[in-house]
Protein backbone atom coordinates (compact mmCIF):
# COMPACT_ATOMS: atom_id res chain seq x y z
CA MET A 1 0.00 0.00 0.00
CA ARG A 2 1.23 3.47 -0.88
CA ALA A 3 1.37 6.44 1.42
CA ALA A 4 -0.04 8.67 -1.34
CA PRO A 5 -3.05 8.13 -3.71
CA THR A 6 -0.90 7.95 -6.85
CA ILE A 7 -2.64 5.06 -8.61
CA LEU A 8 -5.31 6.35 -10.97
CA HIS A 9 -8.15 4.34 -12.47
CA LEU A 10 -10.02 5.80 -15.44
CA ASP A 11 -13.36 4.38 -16.55
CA MET A 12 -15.15 6.02 -19.47
CA ASP A 13 -18.86 6.54 -18.75
CA ALA A 14 -21.23 4.19 -20.64
CA PHE A 15 -18.56 4.22 -23.33
CA TYR A 16 -20.24 2.68 -26.39
CA ALA A 17 -23.58 4.38 -25.76
CA SER A 18 -21.96 7.74 -24.96
CA ALA A 19 -19.92 7.56 -28.17
CA GLU A 20 -23.12 6.92 -30.14
CA GLN A 21 -24.86 9.86 -28.47
CA ALA A 22 -21.91 12.11 -29.28
CA ALA A 23 -21.92 10.94 -32.90
CA LYS A 24 -25.69 11.26 -33.32
CA PRO A 25 -27.04 14.62 -32.11
CA SER A 26 -30.66 13.44 -32.25
CA LEU A 27 -29.91 10.80 -29.56
CA ARG A 28 -28.38 13.09 -26.95
CA GLY A 29 -30.26 12.89 -23.68
CA LYS A 30 -32.26 9.91 -24.90
CA PRO A 31 -32.04 6.21 -23.94
CA VAL A 32 -29.56 4.35 -26.14
CA VAL A 33 -28.78 0.63 -26.04
CA VAL A 34 -25.81 -0.88 -27.92
CA GLY A 35 -25.46 -4.60 -28.54
CA GLY A 36 -26.61 -7.51 -30.67
CA LEU A 37 -30.00 -6.71 -32.15
CA GLY A 38 -31.05 -10.27 -32.99
CA THR A 39 -33.40 -12.39 -30.92
CA ARG A 40 -30.39 -13.84 -29.11
CA GLY A 41 -28.45 -10.59 -28.76
CA VAL A 42 -27.28 -9.17 -25.45
CA VAL A 43 -26.73 -5.60 -24.26
CA ALA A 44 -23.13 -4.42 -24.49
CA THR A 45 -23.73 -0.96 -23.00
CA ALA A 46 -26.76 1.10 -22.04
CA SER A 47 -26.76 4.88 -21.67
CA TYR A 48 -27.64 6.31 -18.27
CA GLU A 49 -31.03 7.33 -19.65
CA ALA A 50 -31.70 3.67 -20.55
CA ARG A 51 -30.43 2.45 -17.18
CA ARG A 52 -33.26 4.33 -15.48
CA PHE A 53 -35.60 1.77 -17.07
CA GLY A 54 -33.57 -1.11 -15.62
CA VAL A 55 -31.53 -1.90 -18.74
CA HIS A 56 -27.96 -3.01 -18.03
CA SER A 57 -25.03 -4.72 -19.75
CA ALA A 58 -25.19 -8.49 -20.34
CA MET A 59 -29.01 -8.36 -20.29
CA PRO A 60 -30.80 -10.22 -23.10
CA MET A 61 -31.77 -7.70 -25.77
CA ALA A 62 -35.34 -8.98 -25.84
CA GLN A 63 -35.71 -8.13 -22.14
CA ALA A 64 -34.17 -4.69 -22.71
CA ARG A 65 -36.74 -3.97 -25.44
CA ARG A 66 -39.54 -4.84 -23.03
CA LEU A 67 -38.15 -2.51 -20.36
CA ALA A 68 -37.34 0.39 -22.71
CA PRO A 69 -39.37 -0.02 -25.92
CA ASN A 70 -38.73 3.56 -27.05
CA ALA A 71 -34.95 3.48 -26.71
CA ALA A 72 -32.64 3.60 -29.72
CA TYR A 73 -31.16 0.13 -30.35
CA LEU A 74 -27.87 0.15 -32.26
CA VAL A 75 -25.24 -2.38 -33.29
CA PRO A 76 -21.68 -1.68 -32.05
CA ARG A 77 -19.26 0.31 -34.21
CA PHE A 78 -15.91 -0.96 -32.97
CA ALA A 79 -13.95 1.04 -35.53
CA LEU A 80 -15.16 4.22 -33.83
CA TYR A 81 -14.67 2.89 -30.30
CA ARG A 82 -11.11 1.79 -31.04
CA THR A 83 -10.26 5.21 -32.47
CA VAL A 84 -11.57 7.01 -29.37
CA SER A 85 -9.85 4.47 -27.10
CA ASP A 86 -6.54 5.11 -28.85
CA GLN A 87 -6.94 8.84 -28.21
CA VAL A 88 -7.62 8.25 -24.51
CA MET A 89 -4.74 5.79 -24.08
CA GLU A 90 -2.37 8.23 -25.78
CA LEU A 91 -3.32 10.87 -23.20
CA LEU A 92 -2.77 8.40 -20.37
CA GLY A 93 0.62 7.52 -21.82
CA ARG A 94 1.63 11.16 -21.37
CA LEU A 95 1.13 10.79 -17.63
CA SER A 96 3.23 7.69 -17.03
CA PRO A 97 5.14 4.86 -18.73
CA LEU A 98 3.07 2.48 -16.57
CA VAL A 99 -0.40 2.36 -18.11
CA GLU A 100 -2.35 -0.90 -17.75
CA PRO A 101 -5.32 -1.04 -20.14
CA LEU A 102 -8.11 -3.33 -18.98
CA SER A 103 -10.38 -2.80 -21.99
CA LEU A 104 -11.13 -0.16 -24.61
CA ASP A 105 -12.58 2.18 -21.98
CA GLU A 106 -10.72 1.38 -18.76
CA ALA A 107 -7.12 1.60 -17.51
CA PHE A 108 -4.85 1.97 -14.47
CA VAL A 109 -2.07 4.60 -14.41
CA ASP A 110 0.87 4.78 -12.00
CA LEU A 111 1.24 8.55 -11.54
CA GLU A 112 4.25 8.19 -9.28
CA ALA A 113 6.18 6.31 -11.98
CA GLY A 114 5.48 9.18 -14.38
CA GLY A 115 6.73 11.80 -11.93
CA VAL A 116 3.52 13.83 -12.23
CA ALA A 117 2.17 13.23 -8.70
CA ASP A 118 3.59 12.33 -5.31
CA ASP A 119 0.87 13.45 -2.88
CA SER A 120 -2.89 13.92 -2.67
CA ARG A 121 -2.89 17.47 -3.99
CA SER A 122 -0.86 16.76 -7.13
CA ALA A 123 -2.76 13.52 -7.79
CA ARG A 124 -6.12 15.30 -7.59
CA ALA A 125 -4.90 18.07 -9.88
CA ILE A 126 -3.78 15.55 -12.51
CA GLY A 127 -7.07 13.65 -12.23
CA GLU A 128 -9.08 16.84 -12.73
CA GLN A 129 -6.97 17.86 -15.69
CA LEU A 130 -7.29 14.43 -17.26
CA ARG A 131 -11.08 14.53 -17.20
CA LEU A 132 -11.10 17.97 -18.82
CA VAL A 133 -8.60 17.01 -21.50
CA ILE A 134 -10.43 13.78 -22.36
CA ARG A 135 -13.68 15.70 -22.82
CA ALA A 136 -11.97 18.30 -25.02
CA VAL A 137 -10.27 15.67 -27.21
CA THR A 138 -13.05 13.06 -27.48
CA GLY A 139 -16.24 14.83 -26.47
CA LEU A 140 -16.87 12.10 -23.88
CA SER A 141 -16.73 11.96 -20.10
CA GLY A 142 -14.74 9.63 -17.88
CA SER A 143 -14.75 8.96 -14.14
CA VAL A 144 -11.50 8.95 -12.18
CA GLY A 145 -10.57 7.13 -8.99
CA LEU A 146 -7.37 7.84 -7.06
CA ALA A 147 -6.00 5.72 -4.24
CA GLY A 148 -2.93 3.98 -2.89
CA SER A 149 -3.83 0.65 -4.53
CA LYS A 150 -5.42 -0.67 -7.71
CA MET A 151 -8.40 -2.19 -5.89
CA LEU A 152 -9.31 1.05 -4.13
CA ALA A 153 -8.70 3.20 -7.22
CA LYS A 154 -11.17 1.07 -9.17
CA ILE A 155 -13.72 1.21 -6.35
CA ALA A 156 -13.26 4.99 -6.25
CA SER A 157 -13.94 5.45 -9.97
CA GLU A 158 -17.07 3.30 -9.68
CA GLU A 159 -18.31 5.42 -6.77
CA ALA A 160 -17.51 8.60 -8.74
CA LYS A 161 -19.70 7.67 -11.73
CA PRO A 162 -20.90 9.30 -13.83
CA ASP A 163 -18.45 12.05 -14.78
CA GLY A 164 -16.82 12.46 -11.38
CA LEU A 165 -13.61 12.11 -9.40
CA LEU A 166 -13.10 10.48 -6.02
CA LEU A 167 -9.82 10.38 -4.11
CA ILE A 168 -9.43 7.91 -1.25
CA GLU A 169 -6.90 9.17 1.26
CA PRO A 170 -4.54 6.47 2.53
CA GLY A 171 -5.59 5.49 6.05
CA THR A 172 -9.32 5.85 5.36
CA GLU A 173 -9.73 2.59 3.44
CA ARG A 174 -11.36 0.49 6.16
CA GLU A 175 -13.86 3.18 7.05
CA LEU A 176 -14.84 3.58 3.41
CA LEU A 177 -15.11 -0.14 2.66
CA ALA A 178 -16.91 -1.22 5.84
CA PRO A 179 -20.54 -0.51 4.74
CA MET A 180 -20.04 -1.65 1.14
CA SER A 181 -21.37 -4.94 -0.24
CA VAL A 182 -18.91 -7.83 -0.32
CA ARG A 183 -19.49 -7.93 -4.09
CA ILE A 184 -17.40 -4.76 -4.41
CA LEU A 185 -14.24 -6.76 -3.73
CA PRO A 186 -12.32 -8.42 -6.59
CA GLY A 187 -12.93 -12.16 -6.78
CA VAL A 188 -16.36 -12.06 -5.14
CA GLY A 189 -18.78 -13.12 -7.84
CA PRO A 190 -22.38 -14.34 -7.55
CA ALA A 191 -21.42 -17.80 -6.24
CA THR A 192 -18.96 -16.56 -3.59
CA GLY A 193 -21.29 -13.72 -2.65
CA ASP A 194 -24.16 -16.15 -2.10
CA HIS A 195 -21.91 -18.44 -0.05
CA LEU A 196 -20.90 -15.52 2.18
CA ARG A 197 -24.50 -14.35 2.50
CA ARG A 198 -25.57 -17.74 3.79
CA ALA A 199 -22.81 -17.42 6.37
CA GLY A 200 -24.23 -14.05 7.45
CA MET A 201 -21.66 -11.86 5.68
CA THR A 202 -23.13 -9.25 3.36
CA VAL A 203 -20.92 -6.18 3.83
CA VAL A 204 -17.14 -5.79 3.99
CA HIS A 205 -17.23 -5.06 7.74
CA ASP A 206 -18.64 -8.57 8.26
CA LEU A 207 -15.55 -10.07 6.61
CA VAL A 208 -13.21 -8.12 8.88
CA GLU A 209 -15.17 -9.18 11.95
CA ALA A 210 -15.21 -12.84 10.88
CA GLY A 211 -11.44 -12.90 10.67
CA GLU A 212 -9.02 -14.65 8.35
CA ALA A 213 -9.40 -18.10 9.91
CA GLU A 214 -13.16 -18.18 9.33
CA LEU A 215 -12.83 -17.00 5.72
CA VAL A 216 -10.18 -19.66 5.08
CA ARG A 217 -12.53 -22.27 6.52
CA LEU A 218 -15.35 -21.12 4.24
CA LEU A 219 -13.45 -20.40 1.02
CA GLY A 220 -10.12 -22.20 1.22
CA ARG A 221 -6.69 -20.95 2.21
CA SER A 222 -5.76 -18.95 -0.89
CA HIS A 223 -9.13 -17.30 -1.54
CA GLY A 224 -10.00 -16.77 2.11
CA ALA A 225 -6.67 -15.15 3.02
CA ALA A 226 -6.72 -12.89 -0.04
CA LEU A 227 -10.30 -11.80 0.65
CA HIS A 228 -9.47 -10.92 4.26
CA ARG A 229 -6.56 -8.75 3.12
CA MET A 230 -8.76 -6.93 0.62
CA ALA A 231 -11.45 -6.38 3.26
CA LEU A 232 -8.77 -4.59 5.30
CA GLY A 233 -7.97 -2.47 2.24
CA HIS A 234 -4.63 -4.18 1.48
CA ASP A 235 -3.65 -4.61 -2.15
CA ASP A 236 -0.04 -4.50 -3.32
CA ARG A 237 -0.54 -5.42 -6.99
CA PRO A 238 1.61 -3.20 -9.23
CA VAL A 239 0.43 -1.41 -12.37
CA VAL A 240 1.68 -3.54 -15.25
CA ALA A 241 2.35 -1.73 -18.51
CA GLU A 242 2.13 -4.78 -20.79
CA ARG A 243 -0.81 -7.09 -20.23
CA ASP A 244 0.16 -10.18 -22.21
CA ALA A 245 -2.90 -11.47 -24.02
CA LYS A 246 -3.16 -15.23 -24.08
CA SER A 247 -5.47 -15.49 -27.08
CA VAL A 248 -7.32 -13.60 -29.79
CA SER A 249 -10.78 -14.74 -30.83
CA VAL A 250 -14.04 -13.68 -32.48
CA GLU A 251 -17.47 -15.27 -32.44
CA ASP A 252 -20.98 -14.64 -33.73
CA THR A 253 -24.38 -15.76 -32.47
CA PHE A 254 -26.95 -16.24 -35.25
CA ASP A 255 -30.58 -15.16 -35.01
CA VAL A 256 -31.64 -18.37 -36.76
CA ASP A 257 -29.83 -21.70 -36.38
CA LEU A 258 -27.62 -22.50 -39.37
CA HIS A 259 -28.36 -25.88 -40.97
CA ASP A 260 -26.68 -25.56 -44.36
CA ARG A 261 -23.17 -27.00 -44.19
CA VAL A 262 -21.86 -24.66 -46.90
CA ARG A 263 -23.17 -21.63 -45.00
CA VAL A 264 -21.54 -22.89 -41.79
CA ARG A 265 -18.18 -23.25 -43.52
CA THR A 266 -18.53 -19.80 -45.08
CA GLU A 267 -19.16 -18.27 -41.66
CA VAL A 268 -16.15 -20.10 -40.18
CA GLU A 269 -13.91 -18.75 -42.94
CA ARG A 270 -15.26 -15.24 -42.42
CA LEU A 271 -14.62 -15.45 -38.67
CA ALA A 272 -11.10 -16.75 -39.32
CA GLY A 273 -10.41 -13.67 -41.45
CA ARG A 274 -11.68 -11.35 -38.71
CA CYS A 275 -9.60 -13.19 -36.11
CA VAL A 276 -6.43 -12.77 -38.16
CA GLY A 277 -7.27 -9.08 -38.60
CA ARG A 278 -7.32 -8.64 -34.82
CA LEU A 279 -4.18 -10.74 -34.48
CA ARG A 280 -2.29 -8.55 -36.92
CA GLY A 281 -3.71 -5.41 -35.36
CA ALA A 282 -2.10 -6.47 -32.08
CA GLY A 283 1.18 -7.21 -33.85
CA ARG A 284 1.03 -10.85 -32.79
CA SER A 285 1.00 -14.34 -34.29
CA GLY A 286 -0.32 -17.59 -32.87
CA ARG A 287 0.46 -21.28 -32.86
CA THR A 288 -2.89 -22.95 -32.10
CA VAL A 289 -6.16 -22.44 -33.99
CA VAL A 290 -9.35 -23.06 -31.99
CA LEU A 291 -12.86 -23.61 -33.35
CA LYS A 292 -15.92 -23.13 -31.12
CA VAL A 293 -19.35 -24.47 -32.11
CA ARG A 294 -22.53 -24.09 -30.04
CA ARG A 295 -25.23 -26.34 -31.38
CA TYR A 296 -29.02 -26.09 -31.39
CA ASP A 297 -29.28 -27.81 -27.97
CA PHE A 298 -26.79 -25.33 -26.38
CA SER A 299 -24.05 -27.97 -26.21
CA THR A 300 -20.70 -26.32 -26.94
CA LEU A 301 -17.82 -28.07 -28.67
CA THR A 302 -14.26 -26.83 -29.09
CA ARG A 303 -11.65 -28.27 -31.40
CA SER A 304 -8.04 -27.14 -31.78
CA GLU A 305 -5.09 -27.72 -34.07
CA THR A 306 -1.51 -26.79 -33.18
CA LEU A 307 0.62 -25.65 -36.11
CA ARG A 308 4.37 -26.12 -36.55
CA GLY A 309 4.94 -22.58 -35.35
CA PRO A 310 3.20 -19.22 -34.85
CA THR A 311 1.52 -17.61 -37.85
CA ASP A 312 -0.60 -14.61 -38.79
CA ASP A 313 -1.34 -15.86 -42.30
CA PRO A 314 -5.10 -15.76 -43.03
CA VAL A 315 -4.89 -18.72 -45.42
CA VAL A 316 -3.26 -20.93 -42.78
CA VAL A 317 -5.79 -19.99 -40.09
CA ARG A 318 -8.75 -20.32 -42.46
CA GLU A 319 -7.68 -23.74 -43.68
CA ALA A 320 -7.01 -24.98 -40.14
CA ALA A 321 -10.45 -23.78 -38.97
CA ALA A 322 -12.08 -25.51 -41.95
CA ARG A 323 -10.29 -28.77 -41.11
CA LEU A 324 -11.51 -28.55 -37.52
CA LEU A 325 -15.06 -28.01 -38.73
CA GLU A 326 -14.95 -31.27 -40.66
CA ALA A 327 -14.73 -33.13 -37.34
CA VAL A 328 -17.88 -31.49 -35.90
CA ASP A 329 -21.43 -32.71 -36.49
CA THR A 330 -23.62 -29.69 -37.31
CA THR A 331 -26.66 -31.48 -38.72
CA GLY A 332 -28.96 -30.41 -35.88
CA GLY A 333 -28.22 -26.73 -36.39
CA VAL A 334 -25.63 -24.21 -35.19
CA ARG A 335 -26.45 -21.14 -33.11
CA LEU A 336 -22.91 -19.84 -32.44
CA LEU A 337 -19.53 -20.09 -34.17
CA GLY A 338 -16.16 -18.82 -33.01
CA VAL A 339 -12.58 -18.91 -34.22
CA GLY A 340 -9.59 -18.12 -32.02
CA VAL A 341 -5.80 -18.28 -31.99
CA THR A 342 -3.80 -19.11 -28.85
CA GLY A 343 -0.13 -19.62 -28.06
CA LEU A 344 0.59 -16.04 -29.06
CA ALA A 345 4.00 -14.73 -30.05
CA ASP A 346 5.33 -11.50 -31.51
CA PHE A 347 7.00 -13.16 -34.48
CA THR A 348 6.23 -15.62 -37.25
CA GLN A 349 8.51 -18.60 -37.82
CA GLU A 350 9.90 -18.82 -41.31
CA ASP A 351 8.93 -22.46 -41.75
CA LEU A 352 5.29 -21.33 -41.65
CA PHE A 353 5.82 -19.65 -45.01
CA ALA A 354 6.09 -23.13 -46.50
CA GLN A 355 2.89 -24.13 -44.76
CA ALA A 356 1.12 -21.06 -46.10
CA ALA A 357 2.44 -21.79 -49.57
CA ASP A 358 1.13 -25.36 -49.37
CA ALA A 359 -2.28 -24.07 -48.36
CA ARG A 360 -2.30 -21.60 -51.23
CA GLU A 361 -1.27 -24.28 -53.70
CA ALA A 362 -4.13 -26.46 -52.51
CA GLU A 363 -6.54 -23.56 -52.87
CA ASP A 364 -5.23 -22.77 -56.36
CA ALA A 365 -5.62 -26.41 -57.37
CA ARG A 366 -9.21 -26.46 -56.11
CA GLN A 367 -10.05 -23.28 -58.02
CA ALA A 368 -8.42 -24.65 -61.16
CA ALA A 369 -10.49 -27.84 -60.87
CA ASP A 370 -13.66 -25.79 -60.45
CA ALA A 371 -12.76 -23.73 -63.51
CA ARG A 372 -12.22 -26.88 -65.58
CA LYS A 373 -15.60 -28.25 -64.52
CA ALA A 374 -17.30 -24.98 -65.40
CA ALA A 375 -15.64 -24.89 -68.82
CA GLU A 376 -16.66 -28.50 -69.54
CA ALA A 377 -20.23 -27.76 -68.47
CA GLU A 378 -20.34 -24.69 -70.72
CA ARG A 379 -19.11 -26.70 -73.72
CA SER A 380 -21.75 -29.37 -73.09
CA GLY A 381 -24.52 -26.83 -72.60
CA ASP A 382 -25.24 -28.19 -69.12
CA ASP A 383 -25.09 -26.19 -65.89
CA GLY A 384 -23.50 -29.21 -64.21
CA PRO A 385 -23.90 -30.39 -60.64
CA ASP A 386 -21.52 -27.75 -59.24
CA ALA A 387 -23.15 -24.75 -60.91
CA GLU A 388 -23.74 -21.87 -58.52
CA GLU A 389 -27.37 -21.29 -57.56
CA PRO A 390 -28.84 -18.08 -56.15
CA PRO A 391 -28.65 -18.20 -52.36
CA ALA A 392 -31.78 -18.81 -50.37
CA PRO A 393 -33.02 -15.81 -48.34
CA ASP A 394 -31.47 -17.13 -45.14
CA GLN A 395 -28.18 -17.82 -46.90
CA ALA A 396 -27.54 -14.33 -48.21
CA ALA A 397 -24.03 -13.03 -47.87
CA ALA A 398 -23.24 -11.81 -44.38
CA PRO A 399 -22.31 -8.15 -43.87
CA ALA A 400 -18.74 -7.08 -43.39
CA PRO A 401 -17.76 -6.79 -39.72
CA ASP A 402 -17.58 -2.98 -39.62
CA GLY A 403 -20.05 -1.92 -42.30
CA PRO A 404 -23.62 -2.52 -43.42
CA GLY A 405 -22.71 -3.87 -46.86
CA THR A 406 -20.89 -6.98 -47.91
CA GLY A 407 -18.16 -5.20 -49.80
CA SER A 408 -19.16 -6.96 -53.02
CA GLY A 409 -20.84 -3.91 -54.50
CA GLU A 410 -24.02 -5.90 -55.22
CA PRO A 411 -27.04 -3.93 -53.89
CA GLU A 412 -29.22 -7.01 -53.43
CA THR A 413 -26.89 -8.45 -50.79
CA ARG A 414 -26.69 -5.29 -48.68
CA ARG A 415 -27.89 -5.26 -45.12
CA TRP A 416 -28.24 -1.92 -43.41
CA SER A 417 -27.66 -2.32 -39.66
CA ALA A 418 -29.15 0.21 -37.25
CA GLY A 419 -26.53 2.75 -36.22
CA HIS A 420 -24.02 2.19 -39.03
CA ASP A 421 -22.62 5.06 -41.06
CA VAL A 422 -23.68 5.83 -44.64
CA ARG A 423 -23.18 8.55 -47.21
CA HIS A 424 -25.67 9.60 -49.86
CA GLU A 425 -24.55 11.30 -53.06
CA VAL A 426 -27.14 14.04 -52.63
CA HIS A 427 -27.84 14.32 -48.90
CA GLY A 428 -24.37 13.62 -47.53
CA TYR A 429 -23.39 11.80 -44.34
CA GLY A 430 -25.89 10.02 -42.08
CA TRP A 431 -26.64 6.89 -40.09
CA VAL A 432 -29.11 4.06 -40.42
CA GLN A 433 -32.15 4.30 -38.14
CA GLY A 434 -33.68 1.07 -39.39
CA SER A 435 -34.43 -1.08 -42.41
CA GLY A 436 -36.93 -3.63 -43.61
CA VAL A 437 -39.35 -4.54 -46.42
CA GLY A 438 -36.87 -3.29 -49.00
CA ARG A 439 -36.48 0.15 -47.42
CA VAL A 440 -33.80 1.80 -45.28
CA THR A 441 -34.38 4.89 -43.12
CA VAL A 442 -31.45 7.28 -42.67
CA ARG A 443 -31.03 10.30 -40.44
CA PHE A 444 -28.65 12.84 -41.96
CA GLU A 445 -26.56 14.46 -39.22
CA GLU A 446 -22.96 14.61 -38.04
CA PRO A 447 -21.17 14.95 -34.70
CA GLY A 448 -21.48 18.58 -33.63
CA SER A 449 -24.40 19.36 -35.94
CA ALA A 450 -28.03 19.99 -35.03
CA PRO A 451 -30.39 16.97 -35.14
CA GLY A 452 -30.86 16.11 -38.81
CA ARG A 453 -33.69 15.15 -41.13
CA VAL A 454 -34.87 11.60 -41.75
CA ARG A 455 -35.28 10.17 -45.24
CA THR A 456 -36.20 6.73 -46.56
CA PHE A 457 -34.66 4.97 -49.57
CA ARG A 458 -34.79 1.64 -51.31
CA THR A 459 -32.18 -0.72 -49.87
CA ASP A 460 -30.62 -1.04 -53.33
CA ASP A 461 -30.40 2.73 -53.97
CA PRO A 462 -27.06 3.08 -55.83
CA ARG A 463 -26.53 6.58 -54.40
CA LEU A 464 -26.40 5.24 -50.82
CA ARG A 465 -23.11 3.69 -49.69
CA PRO A 466 -21.48 2.54 -46.44
CA ALA A 467 -19.17 5.14 -44.86
CA ASP A 468 -16.47 5.30 -42.22
CA PRO A 469 -17.28 6.87 -38.84
CA LEU A 470 -16.57 10.58 -38.49
CA PRO A 471 -14.44 11.87 -35.57
CA LEU A 472 -16.51 12.83 -32.53
CA VAL A 473 -14.51 16.07 -32.26
CA ARG A 474 -13.66 17.51 -35.66
CA GLU A 475 -10.65 19.59 -34.56
CA PRO A 476 -9.47 18.56 -31.07
CA PRO A 477 -7.06 20.88 -29.21
CA ASP A 478 -3.34 20.20 -29.32
CA TYR A 479 -2.18 18.67 -26.04
CA SER A 480 1.28 17.65 -27.18
CA SER A 481 2.83 19.51 -24.22
CA TRP A 482 0.40 18.20 -21.61
CA PRO A 483 0.74 17.57 -18.66
CA ALA A 484 3.81 19.82 -18.42
CA SER A 485 1.58 22.80 -19.24
CA LEU A 486 -2.19 22.98 -19.07
CA PRO A 487 -3.90 25.29 -21.61
CA LYS A 488 -5.23 28.44 -19.92
CA SER A 489 -8.75 27.65 -21.08
CA LEU A 490 -8.74 24.57 -18.86
CA SER A 491 -6.90 25.94 -15.84
CA GLY A 492 -7.78 28.35 -13.07
CA ALA A 493 -11.45 28.75 -12.21
CA GLY A 494 -12.61 25.99 -14.52
CA ALA A 495 -10.42 23.40 -12.84
CA ALA A 496 -11.44 24.70 -9.42
CA ASP A 497 -15.12 24.38 -10.29
CA GLU A 498 -14.53 20.81 -11.41
CA ALA A 499 -12.77 20.01 -8.13
CA GLU A 500 -15.70 21.31 -6.08
CA SER A 501 -18.22 19.34 -8.14
CA SER A 502 -16.38 16.05 -7.73
CA PRO A 503 -17.74 13.54 -5.21
């Protein structure tokens, strides 16, 4: 435990939903829910306006719609969220070399290691400045917790939400924690919480009173001893700059069970491509390819194949995933598919180039064989058994991961997902409010503009195209010298007002 509150925890407020509200002026101040919109979708994030109706993350989307039928329901736009996250993490990196990201919207910072704070006053000043700078650069708000340990800093940021700052002075930990629920402590999930409740322990003070021996008896030596230390406010975990990911994976849940084997393979190949995209984005390679299949009866199967060495080649990963699929029975229907890569490394072994070449040669041979069959069928005047047929309605091409279209340029295969960005040749930039029955409704507005007009088009309108997200702040201020010098517009009275308004 530190003698000064120099560990900072930043948690962006309702990140996905807040980003959507900032990007879409007509949604500001209104309930917004981001997540999977299908019948099996779940809520990723709900705005604070939606939370008043009881909507929360991890809730089934169908239940959220019953609680807040008039909310705006949008699919995630991870391209936008990653861009904003990069901006925030760059600002945190200016404070210290020890920044530990936990997710796109959450991170620990060791202010002492950065030399920007060594007592309560300097730590609070940096925390206040950080909140102001983040809002100026991204247009979004974040809550800050400051304490002498990671556990308490995270608890502080949670208590400060939304858009606040809370500093826990060293020496006051036990008093602060005593009335809080045991669920506030790391490692106390629903099962452990219920076990403690049956033993008569519902708040942190109960754990302190019970003593270490009783907690060890109830939970085991390791868990019980650790929980007693945390109840006393003790946590000596350091801020770790590099959190070494163990795997990279993607998965999709389908609104309707997939029965067609060709469609299942197509989805697996698409997921493999997305997985490799994330792998390369992290600058990593992997040795083991993992396939996950959840069948119609909710049984989940995983299959894996370990390669000769780490790779980030999409052909290698795609072919390995396809081989794994061959060993799985999907005749009853598939509701979820996932592809992952484990055994990560930051290099690719040269002998994998030969493996990739072999895979490409096999693919080229298959395509050549298909071309020969097509040519023979054309000469004979017969479509042949392998001729391509128009896809059934439930087998239409799936949309690209970050856009409403498929990327093929064929209007009939487009799907316009609620919330995604579009651009019209006449009306300019907008976003999809909804689509169905051959029509798509678009609201034309941009971040920083007034709420825009709504227009409806045919889904195959050639003038309407997918677009990339626009920045939430068109021209953010230059903070290249921060935190050495704070711009005058954000110092003085403004910072003092912020300090007084913080919890």
